[in-house]
Amino acid sequence: MQTKKNIAIIGSGLVGSLLAIYLKKRGHDVTVFDRRRDVRTVEFSGRSINLAMSNRGWEALRKVGVEDEIREIALPLDKRAMHVNEKPLYFQKYGKEGEAIYSISRGILNRKMIDLAENAGVVFKFEEKVWDIDLGEAKIFTGESERSEWKSYKYDLVFGADGAFSRVRHKMQRQSRFNYSQHFIDVGYKELTIPANADGSHKLDNASFHIWPRGEFMLIAMPNLDGSFTCTLFMPFEGEVSFETIGTEAAAESFFSEYFPDIKDDISNLTNDFFKNPTSAMVTMKCFPWTYQNTVALVGDSAHAIVPFYGQGMNAGFEDISVLDSLIEKYGDDWERIFKEYQNSRKPNADAIAELSYRNLVEMSSKTANPKFLLQKKIEKKFSEKHPDKWLPLYSRVTFSDRPYAEALAIGDEQRTIMEKIMKIDDIEEIWDGEEVENKILKALNKSELSFK
């Protein structure tokens, strides 16, 4: 058992709420501060991307006893549905039988997590803005504005779970030898909606993650429990085909008619929502260290914001909490050691999933419609099924296992090198499922220094 601490968490999002549940169940007093209104009292903003819960997220929820309640608001997706113009709809299974990612509305999940935390005894202070923090003293200062009178609160520990533009991290950045970088990609996103049918059923297959790959841009759709789909259009901010060039309702109608004719009429309030909903940016943020002495630590996006193209942002944040809790179990009251091992173990994995997420933008928008790429995936799947001890596809290693992200990146790079050689074999389209290809992969693996188990 740990000595009871008085702990503040800055940020009531998904990771902050989960951390609050973990710490409360460890016997600590926990208060969560958020500058925003209680998400349970507001309409959703039209800037969300549905979440894809996978193994790492479920494990973190299971460990603290809330998995079953969250599964009630999730829909399993076991495959991609590929919508390529002038080609029949086709499906790509994600993994083995029974393996699926789960679509969850961010807003609905956040509301549920706050409810669960409050039920556990966590105190929430909404619309209370944290403007400064004394790192060594674990003291936070709140007020209406930076120039208004501030109120101070003294805690034993403070956790920053306040997102990519964290106020807690901002104060840590002023410390000597604090490394920080942020990179905005040139692609933005906009939320749209496909409503349910009149009887409440889904207009598209509700066990699929739907993708319309169009090279430099793409549309995705994930199902909701109410029969609707949350759609997200990813597209460059500027360029020949971009958000910049769609400035009128007529231009929007023309764009969707040309590139998404199969779904255009199903998207509700198309032109209205296109201009009403914001065009949002995406950033990769890296920093180190994540902790200050034995008093302050960053978790989730505050420490490692990533782009959403692997569906791992929430899962990585939840895994932060699970790892942190394991170290709490191991080291008890030695918070300085807990924090040090936490940041040292998580930082390489955060960097790895950031890289993988960035790469997956290209795969989703371009490669998934490429016949050569699809053949490569068939070869990998067949070989993996025959030699599961020798080859686990990268996507499965990231999504359906708890192996470190850094390991997945390293092994995935080795697999990619092998498959680049395989795809250069003469007549690969005709002999892809034969012994020659299988033996060449086996030979390449025998030369590899990496363990593929």
Protein backbone atom coordinates (compact mmCIF):
# COMPACT_ATOMS: atom_id res chain seq x y z
CA MET A 1 0.00 0.00 0.00
CA GLN A 2 1.12 3.53 -0.75
CA THR A 3 0.99 6.43 1.65
CA LYS A 4 -2.13 8.42 0.84
CA LYS A 5 -1.40 11.48 -1.31
CA ASN A 6 -3.37 14.56 -2.29
CA ILE A 7 -3.13 14.58 -6.09
CA ALA A 8 -4.20 17.02 -8.80
CA ILE A 9 -4.75 16.07 -12.42
CA ILE A 10 -4.92 18.87 -14.98
CA GLY A 11 -7.29 17.83 -17.78
CA SER A 12 -10.53 15.84 -17.66
CA GLY A 13 -10.10 14.13 -21.03
CA LEU A 14 -9.89 10.40 -21.55
CA VAL A 15 -6.40 9.86 -20.15
CA GLY A 16 -6.88 12.25 -17.22
CA SER A 17 -10.14 10.58 -16.25
CA LEU A 18 -8.64 7.08 -16.44
CA LEU A 19 -5.63 8.15 -14.38
CA ALA A 20 -8.02 9.60 -11.80
CA ILE A 21 -9.80 6.25 -11.49
CA TYR A 22 -6.50 4.39 -11.07
CA LEU A 23 -5.18 6.76 -8.41
CA LYS A 24 -8.46 6.87 -6.51
CA LYS A 25 -8.54 3.08 -6.38
CA ARG A 26 -5.01 3.22 -4.96
CA GLY A 27 -6.47 5.16 -2.04
CA HIS A 28 -5.40 8.70 -2.95
CA ASP A 29 -7.44 11.90 -2.84
CA VAL A 30 -7.80 13.04 -6.45
CA THR A 31 -9.00 16.36 -7.86
CA VAL A 32 -9.28 16.98 -11.61
CA PHE A 33 -9.13 20.53 -12.98
CA ASP A 34 -10.33 21.52 -16.45
CA ARG A 35 -10.55 24.95 -18.09
CA ARG A 36 -13.51 23.78 -20.15
CA ARG A 37 -17.13 23.24 -19.23
CA ASP A 38 -18.18 19.76 -18.16
CA VAL A 39 -18.32 17.79 -21.41
CA ARG A 40 -21.48 16.11 -20.12
CA THR A 41 -23.33 19.43 -20.41
CA VAL A 42 -22.26 20.56 -23.89
CA GLU A 43 -23.08 19.68 -27.48
CA PHE A 44 -20.32 17.98 -29.41
CA SER A 45 -18.27 20.45 -31.42
CA GLY A 46 -18.08 18.87 -34.87
CA ARG A 47 -14.32 18.41 -34.65
CA SER A 48 -14.00 14.85 -33.39
CA ILE A 49 -12.55 11.73 -34.95
CA ASN A 50 -14.13 8.52 -33.68
CA LEU A 51 -11.80 6.48 -31.53
CA ALA A 52 -10.53 2.98 -32.32
CA MET A 53 -10.12 1.08 -29.06
CA SER A 54 -7.74 -1.88 -29.39
CA ASN A 55 -5.87 -4.29 -27.15
CA ARG A 56 -3.74 -1.79 -25.24
CA GLY A 57 -6.74 0.34 -24.36
CA TRP A 58 -8.87 -2.58 -23.33
CA GLU A 59 -6.08 -3.94 -21.13
CA ALA A 60 -5.81 -0.63 -19.27
CA LEU A 61 -9.59 -0.52 -18.74
CA ARG A 62 -9.69 -4.18 -17.71
CA LYS A 63 -6.95 -3.67 -15.14
CA VAL A 64 -8.99 -1.05 -13.29
CA GLY A 65 -12.30 -2.90 -13.64
CA VAL A 66 -14.24 -0.71 -16.11
CA GLU A 67 -13.83 -2.65 -19.36
CA ASP A 68 -17.33 -4.14 -19.43
CA GLU A 69 -19.03 -0.76 -19.00
CA ILE A 70 -17.04 0.73 -21.89
CA ARG A 71 -17.73 -2.22 -24.19
CA GLU A 72 -21.42 -1.35 -23.92
CA ILE A 73 -20.78 1.86 -25.90
CA ALA A 74 -18.42 0.34 -28.51
CA LEU A 75 -18.94 -1.34 -31.88
CA PRO A 76 -16.47 -4.03 -33.08
CA LEU A 77 -14.93 -3.53 -36.54
CA ASP A 78 -13.10 -6.58 -37.88
CA LYS A 79 -12.21 -5.24 -41.33
CA ARG A 80 -11.65 -2.30 -43.62
CA ALA A 81 -14.22 -1.57 -46.31
CA MET A 82 -12.46 -0.04 -49.31
CA HIS A 83 -14.43 2.32 -51.54
CA VAL A 84 -12.44 2.82 -54.74
CA ASN A 85 -14.14 4.66 -57.59
CA GLU A 86 -15.17 2.45 -60.51
CA LYS A 87 -14.31 -0.71 -58.55
CA PRO A 88 -16.58 -2.97 -56.46
CA LEU A 89 -16.55 -2.49 -52.71
CA TYR A 90 -14.02 -4.86 -51.17
CA PHE A 91 -12.99 -5.78 -47.64
CA GLN A 92 -9.68 -6.34 -45.88
CA LYS A 93 -9.71 -8.33 -42.63
CA TYR A 94 -7.71 -6.68 -39.87
CA GLY A 95 -6.36 -9.78 -38.20
CA LYS A 96 -7.22 -13.31 -37.20
CA GLU A 97 -10.76 -14.49 -36.49
CA GLY A 98 -12.15 -12.64 -33.51
CA GLU A 99 -9.70 -9.73 -33.71
CA ALA A 100 -11.30 -6.31 -34.10
CA ILE A 101 -10.88 -2.66 -33.28
CA TYR A 102 -13.81 -0.93 -31.58
CA SER A 103 -15.44 2.29 -32.73
CA ILE A 104 -16.35 4.65 -29.90
CA SER A 105 -17.55 8.24 -29.99
CA ARG A 106 -14.95 10.40 -28.23
CA GLY A 107 -17.61 12.55 -26.57
CA ILE A 108 -19.68 9.62 -25.34
CA LEU A 109 -16.59 7.86 -23.98
CA ASN A 110 -15.35 11.01 -22.24
CA ARG A 111 -18.72 11.50 -20.55
CA LYS A 112 -18.70 7.88 -19.40
CA MET A 113 -15.15 8.07 -18.05
CA ILE A 114 -15.98 11.17 -16.01
CA ASP A 115 -19.06 9.44 -14.60
CA LEU A 116 -16.97 6.41 -13.62
CA ALA A 117 -14.35 8.62 -11.99
CA GLU A 118 -16.95 10.59 -10.03
CA ASN A 119 -18.58 7.35 -8.91
CA ALA A 120 -15.16 6.26 -7.61
CA GLY A 121 -14.93 9.44 -5.53
CA VAL A 122 -12.86 11.73 -7.76
CA VAL A 123 -13.60 15.48 -7.46
CA PHE A 124 -13.88 17.50 -10.69
CA LYS A 125 -13.43 21.27 -10.92
CA PHE A 126 -14.65 22.42 -14.33
CA GLU A 127 -14.22 25.92 -15.75
CA GLU A 128 -11.26 26.46 -13.47
CA LYS A 129 -8.28 27.47 -15.57
CA VAL A 130 -4.79 26.56 -14.44
CA TRP A 131 -2.41 29.38 -15.41
CA ASP A 132 0.76 28.46 -13.56
CA ILE A 133 2.36 25.71 -11.52
CA ASP A 134 5.17 25.64 -9.00
CA LEU A 135 6.84 22.41 -10.07
CA GLY A 136 8.90 21.75 -6.96
CA GLU A 137 6.08 22.54 -4.56
CA ALA A 138 3.33 20.84 -6.63
CA LYS A 139 1.29 24.01 -6.28
CA ILE A 140 -1.14 25.15 -8.99
CA PHE A 141 -2.65 28.57 -9.60
CA THR A 142 -6.08 29.10 -11.14
CA GLY A 143 -8.07 32.14 -12.19
CA GLU A 144 -10.31 33.73 -14.78
CA SER A 145 -7.39 35.03 -16.84
CA GLU A 146 -3.63 35.41 -16.74
CA ARG A 147 -4.05 38.91 -15.29
CA SER A 148 -6.86 38.21 -12.84
CA GLU A 149 -6.42 37.35 -9.18
CA TRP A 150 -5.32 33.75 -8.82
CA LYS A 151 -6.24 31.08 -6.33
CA SER A 152 -3.53 28.63 -5.22
CA TYR A 153 -3.85 24.94 -4.38
CA LYS A 154 -1.10 22.85 -2.76
CA TYR A 155 -0.82 19.17 -3.66
CA ASP A 156 1.63 16.32 -3.14
CA LEU A 157 1.65 15.37 -6.81
CA VAL A 158 0.45 17.00 -10.04
CA PHE A 159 -0.19 15.20 -13.34
CA GLY A 160 -0.47 17.06 -16.64
CA ALA A 161 -3.13 15.42 -18.81
CA ASP A 162 -4.11 18.62 -20.56
CA GLY A 163 -3.33 17.70 -24.16
CA ALA A 164 -0.91 18.64 -26.90
CA PHE A 165 -0.77 22.27 -25.80
CA SER A 166 -0.43 21.45 -22.11
CA ARG A 167 -0.09 24.29 -19.62
CA VAL A 168 1.82 21.96 -17.28
CA ARG A 169 4.32 21.06 -19.99
CA HIS A 170 4.64 24.71 -20.94
CA LYS A 171 5.95 25.43 -17.45
CA MET A 172 8.29 22.42 -17.60
CA GLN A 173 9.71 23.73 -20.89
CA ARG A 174 11.27 26.61 -19.00
CA GLN A 175 13.56 24.20 -17.19
CA SER A 176 17.15 23.72 -18.33
CA ARG A 177 17.77 20.81 -20.73
CA PHE A 178 14.10 20.28 -21.54
CA ASN A 179 13.75 19.06 -25.13
CA TYR A 180 10.63 19.91 -27.09
CA SER A 181 9.47 19.78 -30.70
CA GLN A 182 6.19 20.03 -32.57
CA HIS A 183 5.42 19.36 -36.20
CA PHE A 184 2.13 20.16 -37.93
CA ILE A 185 1.44 18.11 -41.04
CA ASP A 186 0.07 19.82 -44.14
CA VAL A 187 -3.14 17.80 -43.94
CA GLY A 188 -6.19 18.97 -42.00
CA TYR A 189 -9.46 17.26 -41.19
CA LYS A 190 -13.16 18.06 -41.11
CA GLU A 191 -15.99 16.10 -39.53
CA LEU A 192 -19.14 15.10 -41.46
CA THR A 193 -22.01 12.74 -40.65
CA ILE A 194 -23.90 9.91 -42.35
CA PRO A 195 -27.24 9.66 -40.50
CA ALA A 196 -29.04 6.43 -39.70
CA ASN A 197 -31.78 5.01 -41.89
CA ALA A 198 -35.34 5.84 -40.91
CA ASP A 199 -35.55 2.60 -38.91
CA GLY A 200 -32.33 3.39 -37.02
CA SER A 201 -30.15 0.97 -38.95
CA HIS A 202 -26.78 1.82 -40.50
CA LYS A 203 -26.55 2.83 -44.18
CA LEU A 204 -23.19 1.02 -44.52
CA ASP A 205 -21.77 -2.18 -43.07
CA ASN A 206 -21.44 -1.48 -39.34
CA ALA A 207 -18.67 -4.02 -38.71
CA SER A 208 -16.23 -2.18 -40.99
CA PHE A 209 -13.92 0.80 -40.89
CA HIS A 210 -14.82 2.51 -44.18
CA ILE A 211 -12.11 4.20 -46.25
CA TRP A 212 -12.34 6.15 -49.50
CA PRO A 213 -8.63 6.39 -50.50
CA ARG A 214 -7.98 9.14 -53.02
CA GLY A 215 -4.21 9.55 -53.05
CA GLU A 216 -3.51 12.97 -51.55
CA PHE A 217 -6.70 12.89 -49.51
CA MET A 218 -9.24 10.43 -48.12
CA LEU A 219 -12.55 10.07 -46.33
CA ILE A 220 -13.14 7.63 -43.48
CA ALA A 221 -16.34 6.61 -41.69
CA MET A 222 -16.83 4.81 -38.38
CA PRO A 223 -20.20 3.61 -37.05
CA ASN A 224 -21.99 4.85 -33.95
CA LEU A 225 -24.48 3.04 -31.73
CA ASP A 226 -27.37 5.24 -32.94
CA GLY A 227 -27.05 4.03 -36.54
CA SER A 228 -25.07 7.03 -37.77
CA PHE A 229 -21.48 7.19 -38.99
CA THR A 230 -18.93 9.80 -38.01
CA CYS A 231 -17.04 10.71 -41.18
CA THR A 232 -13.70 12.49 -41.33
CA LEU A 233 -12.33 14.11 -44.47
CA PHE A 234 -8.52 14.34 -44.43
CA MET A 235 -7.16 16.73 -47.07
CA PRO A 236 -4.29 19.21 -47.60
CA PHE A 237 -4.91 22.74 -46.38
CA GLU A 238 -3.56 24.19 -49.64
CA GLY A 239 -2.97 22.86 -53.13
CA GLU A 240 -4.80 21.82 -56.28
CA VAL A 241 -7.34 19.72 -54.35
CA SER A 242 -7.53 21.16 -50.86
CA PHE A 243 -9.68 22.84 -48.25
CA GLU A 244 -8.44 26.14 -49.61
CA THR A 245 -9.93 25.50 -53.07
CA ILE A 246 -13.39 24.54 -51.77
CA GLY A 247 -14.74 27.96 -50.95
CA THR A 248 -18.38 27.78 -52.05
CA GLU A 249 -21.30 25.39 -51.72
CA ALA A 250 -21.13 24.73 -55.45
CA ALA A 251 -17.45 23.82 -55.18
CA ALA A 252 -18.21 21.45 -52.30
CA GLU A 253 -21.02 19.77 -54.25
CA SER A 254 -18.74 19.38 -57.26
CA PHE A 255 -15.91 17.97 -55.15
CA PHE A 256 -18.05 15.28 -53.52
CA SER A 257 -19.77 14.41 -56.80
CA GLU A 258 -16.40 13.82 -58.46
CA TYR A 259 -14.55 11.98 -55.70
CA PHE A 260 -17.23 10.40 -53.50
CA PRO A 261 -20.23 9.77 -55.77
CA ASP A 262 -21.27 6.59 -53.94
CA ILE A 263 -21.74 8.36 -50.62
CA LYS A 264 -22.42 11.99 -51.50
CA ASP A 265 -26.20 11.77 -51.15
CA ASP A 266 -25.97 9.97 -47.80
CA ILE A 267 -23.93 12.62 -46.01
CA SER A 268 -26.42 14.77 -44.13
CA ASN A 269 -26.36 18.55 -44.52
CA LEU A 270 -23.27 18.10 -46.69
CA THR A 271 -22.56 21.66 -47.73
CA ASN A 272 -23.87 23.14 -44.48
CA ASP A 273 -21.66 20.92 -42.28
CA PHE A 274 -18.69 21.37 -44.59
CA PHE A 275 -18.62 25.08 -43.92
CA LYS A 276 -20.04 25.02 -40.37
CA ASN A 277 -17.61 22.47 -38.92
CA PRO A 278 -14.05 23.68 -38.40
CA THR A 279 -11.06 22.52 -40.42
CA SER A 280 -8.72 21.24 -37.75
CA ALA A 281 -4.96 20.74 -37.72
CA MET A 282 -2.93 17.73 -36.60
CA VAL A 283 0.34 17.86 -34.74
CA THR A 284 3.08 15.51 -33.59
CA MET A 285 4.56 16.73 -30.31
CA LYS A 286 7.61 15.23 -28.61
CA CYS A 287 9.34 16.24 -25.39
CA PHE A 288 11.63 14.98 -22.65
CA PRO A 289 11.79 14.70 -19.69
CA TRP A 290 8.17 13.91 -18.88
CA THR A 291 8.61 14.33 -15.13
CA TYR A 292 9.97 16.81 -12.60
CA GLN A 293 11.63 15.34 -9.51
CA ASN A 294 9.01 13.41 -7.53
CA THR A 295 6.19 15.93 -7.87
CA VAL A 296 5.02 16.39 -11.49
CA ALA A 297 4.49 14.07 -14.46
CA LEU A 298 3.01 14.32 -17.95
CA VAL A 299 0.71 11.65 -19.42
CA GLY A 300 -0.97 11.09 -22.78
CA ASP A 301 -0.93 13.86 -25.38
CA SER A 302 0.75 16.23 -22.93
CA ALA A 303 3.86 14.08 -23.28
CA HIS A 304 3.47 12.65 -26.79
CA ALA A 305 0.76 13.95 -29.15
CA ILE A 306 0.55 12.00 -32.42
CA VAL A 307 -1.44 12.13 -35.65
CA PRO A 308 -4.46 9.78 -35.69
CA PHE A 309 -3.68 7.49 -38.63
CA TYR A 310 -2.91 4.36 -36.63
CA GLY A 311 -5.81 4.83 -34.23
CA GLN A 312 -3.38 4.59 -31.31
CA GLY A 313 -3.44 8.01 -29.63
CA MET A 314 -5.93 7.04 -26.94
CA ASN A 315 -4.54 3.51 -26.68
CA ALA A 316 -1.00 4.83 -26.15
CA GLY A 317 -2.25 7.25 -23.49
CA PHE A 318 -4.17 4.52 -21.69
CA GLU A 319 -1.08 2.33 -21.83
CA ASP A 320 0.87 5.15 -20.13
CA ILE A 321 -1.50 4.83 -17.18
CA SER A 322 -1.29 1.04 -17.05
CA VAL A 323 2.53 1.15 -17.08
CA LEU A 324 2.56 3.88 -14.44
CA ASP A 325 0.29 1.81 -12.21
CA SER A 326 2.54 -1.24 -12.57
CA LEU A 327 5.48 0.85 -11.38
CA ILE A 328 3.41 2.17 -8.47
CA GLU A 329 2.71 -1.44 -7.54
CA LYS A 330 6.42 -2.22 -7.77
CA TYR A 331 7.96 0.75 -5.98
CA GLY A 332 5.29 1.95 -3.55
CA ASP A 333 6.15 5.36 -2.11
CA ASP A 334 9.30 5.90 -4.17
CA TRP A 335 7.69 8.38 -6.57
CA GLU A 336 11.00 9.65 -7.92
CA ARG A 337 11.91 6.13 -9.05
CA ILE A 338 8.38 5.52 -10.36
CA PHE A 339 8.53 8.68 -12.46
CA LYS A 340 12.04 7.99 -13.75
CA GLU A 341 11.27 4.46 -14.93
CA TYR A 342 7.92 5.56 -16.33
CA GLN A 343 9.41 8.19 -18.63
CA ASN A 344 12.41 6.07 -19.62
CA SER A 345 10.25 3.10 -20.58
CA ARG A 346 7.52 5.04 -22.36
CA LYS A 347 9.51 7.63 -24.31
CA PRO A 348 10.98 5.22 -26.95
CA ASN A 349 7.55 3.67 -27.47
CA ALA A 350 5.87 7.06 -27.81
CA ASP A 351 8.40 8.08 -30.45
CA ALA A 352 7.86 4.78 -32.29
CA ILE A 353 4.07 5.07 -32.50
CA ALA A 354 4.44 8.70 -33.62
CA GLU A 355 6.54 7.52 -36.56
CA LEU A 356 4.20 4.64 -37.38
CA SER A 357 1.16 6.92 -37.24
CA TYR A 358 2.72 9.37 -39.67
CA ARG A 359 3.62 6.56 -42.10
CA ASN A 360 0.13 5.11 -41.98
CA LEU A 361 -1.33 8.25 -43.56
CA VAL A 362 0.36 7.24 -46.82
CA GLU A 363 -0.82 3.65 -46.51
CA MET A 364 -4.44 4.56 -45.86
CA SER A 365 -4.79 7.31 -48.46
CA SER A 366 -2.79 5.75 -51.30
CA LYS A 367 -1.49 2.22 -50.83
CA THR A 368 -4.77 0.59 -49.81
CA ALA A 369 -6.02 1.13 -53.37
CA ASN A 370 -2.79 -0.17 -54.97
CA PRO A 371 -3.03 -3.74 -56.39
CA LYS A 372 0.65 -4.42 -55.68
CA PHE A 373 0.27 -3.38 -52.06
CA LEU A 374 -2.85 -5.51 -51.67
CA LEU A 375 -0.98 -8.50 -53.09
CA GLN A 376 1.84 -7.90 -50.61
CA LYS A 377 -0.66 -7.97 -47.77
CA LYS A 378 -2.09 -11.26 -49.07
CA ILE A 379 1.39 -12.79 -49.14
CA GLU A 380 2.11 -11.60 -45.60
CA LYS A 381 -1.23 -12.89 -44.33
CA LYS A 382 -0.76 -16.33 -45.90
CA PHE A 383 2.79 -16.64 -44.58
CA SER A 384 1.76 -15.46 -41.11
CA GLU A 385 -1.06 -18.00 -40.94
CA LYS A 386 1.35 -20.81 -41.87
CA HIS A 387 4.23 -19.56 -39.71
CA PRO A 388 2.67 -17.61 -36.80
CA ASP A 389 5.85 -18.09 -34.76
CA LYS A 390 7.93 -16.36 -37.43
CA TRP A 391 5.79 -13.50 -38.74
CA LEU A 392 3.24 -11.27 -37.07
CA PRO A 393 2.14 -8.45 -39.43
CA LEU A 394 3.00 -4.95 -38.25
CA TYR A 395 -0.64 -3.87 -37.92
CA SER A 396 -1.42 -6.87 -35.71
CA ARG A 397 1.71 -6.30 -33.64
CA VAL A 398 0.63 -2.71 -32.96
CA THR A 399 -3.11 -3.23 -32.63
CA PHE A 400 -3.72 -6.74 -31.34
CA SER A 401 -0.77 -7.26 -29.00
CA ASP A 402 0.85 -5.53 -26.05
CA ARG A 403 4.39 -5.79 -27.39
CA PRO A 404 6.30 -2.47 -27.23
CA TYR A 405 5.70 0.02 -30.03
CA ALA A 406 9.46 0.40 -30.44
CA GLU A 407 9.78 -3.31 -31.09
CA ALA A 408 6.92 -3.16 -33.59
CA LEU A 409 8.65 -0.35 -35.48
CA ALA A 410 12.00 -2.18 -35.64
CA ILE A 411 10.52 -5.50 -36.69
CA GLY A 412 8.14 -3.80 -39.11
CA ASP A 413 11.09 -2.14 -40.85
CA GLU A 414 12.81 -5.50 -41.18
CA GLN A 415 9.65 -7.06 -42.58
CA ARG A 416 9.28 -4.21 -45.06
CA THR A 417 12.83 -4.76 -46.33
CA ILE A 418 12.09 -8.44 -46.85
CA MET A 419 8.80 -7.79 -48.64
CA GLU A 420 10.34 -5.18 -50.95
CA LYS A 421 12.62 -7.95 -52.25
CA ILE A 422 9.78 -10.45 -52.49
CA MET A 423 7.64 -8.09 -54.54
CA LYS A 424 10.44 -7.71 -57.08
CA ILE A 425 10.33 -11.43 -57.94
CA ASP A 426 9.45 -12.04 -61.59
CA ASP A 427 5.82 -13.09 -62.08
CA ILE A 428 5.05 -12.55 -58.39
CA GLU A 429 1.38 -12.10 -59.31
CA GLU A 430 1.27 -15.70 -60.57
CA ILE A 431 3.48 -17.47 -58.01
CA TRP A 432 2.72 -15.47 -54.85
CA ASP A 433 1.13 -18.41 -52.98
CA GLY A 434 3.72 -21.02 -53.98
CA GLU A 435 6.62 -22.65 -52.15
CA GLU A 436 9.25 -20.51 -53.89
CA VAL A 437 7.96 -17.34 -52.27
CA GLU A 438 7.49 -19.01 -48.89
CA ASN A 439 11.06 -20.37 -48.95
CA LYS A 440 12.52 -17.01 -49.91
CA ILE A 441 10.80 -15.38 -46.91
CA LEU A 442 12.03 -18.14 -44.61
CA LYS A 443 15.57 -17.74 -45.91
CA ALA A 444 15.44 -13.98 -45.37
CA LEU A 445 14.15 -14.44 -41.84
CA ASN A 446 16.97 -16.85 -41.01
CA LYS A 447 19.45 -14.10 -41.89
CA SER A 448 17.66 -11.53 -39.74
CA GLU A 449 19.02 -10.70 -36.31
CA LEU A 450 15.60 -9.66 -35.03
CA SER A 451 13.24 -12.00 -33.25
CA PHE A 452 9.88 -12.16 -35.00
CA LYS A 453 8.11 -13.98 -32.21
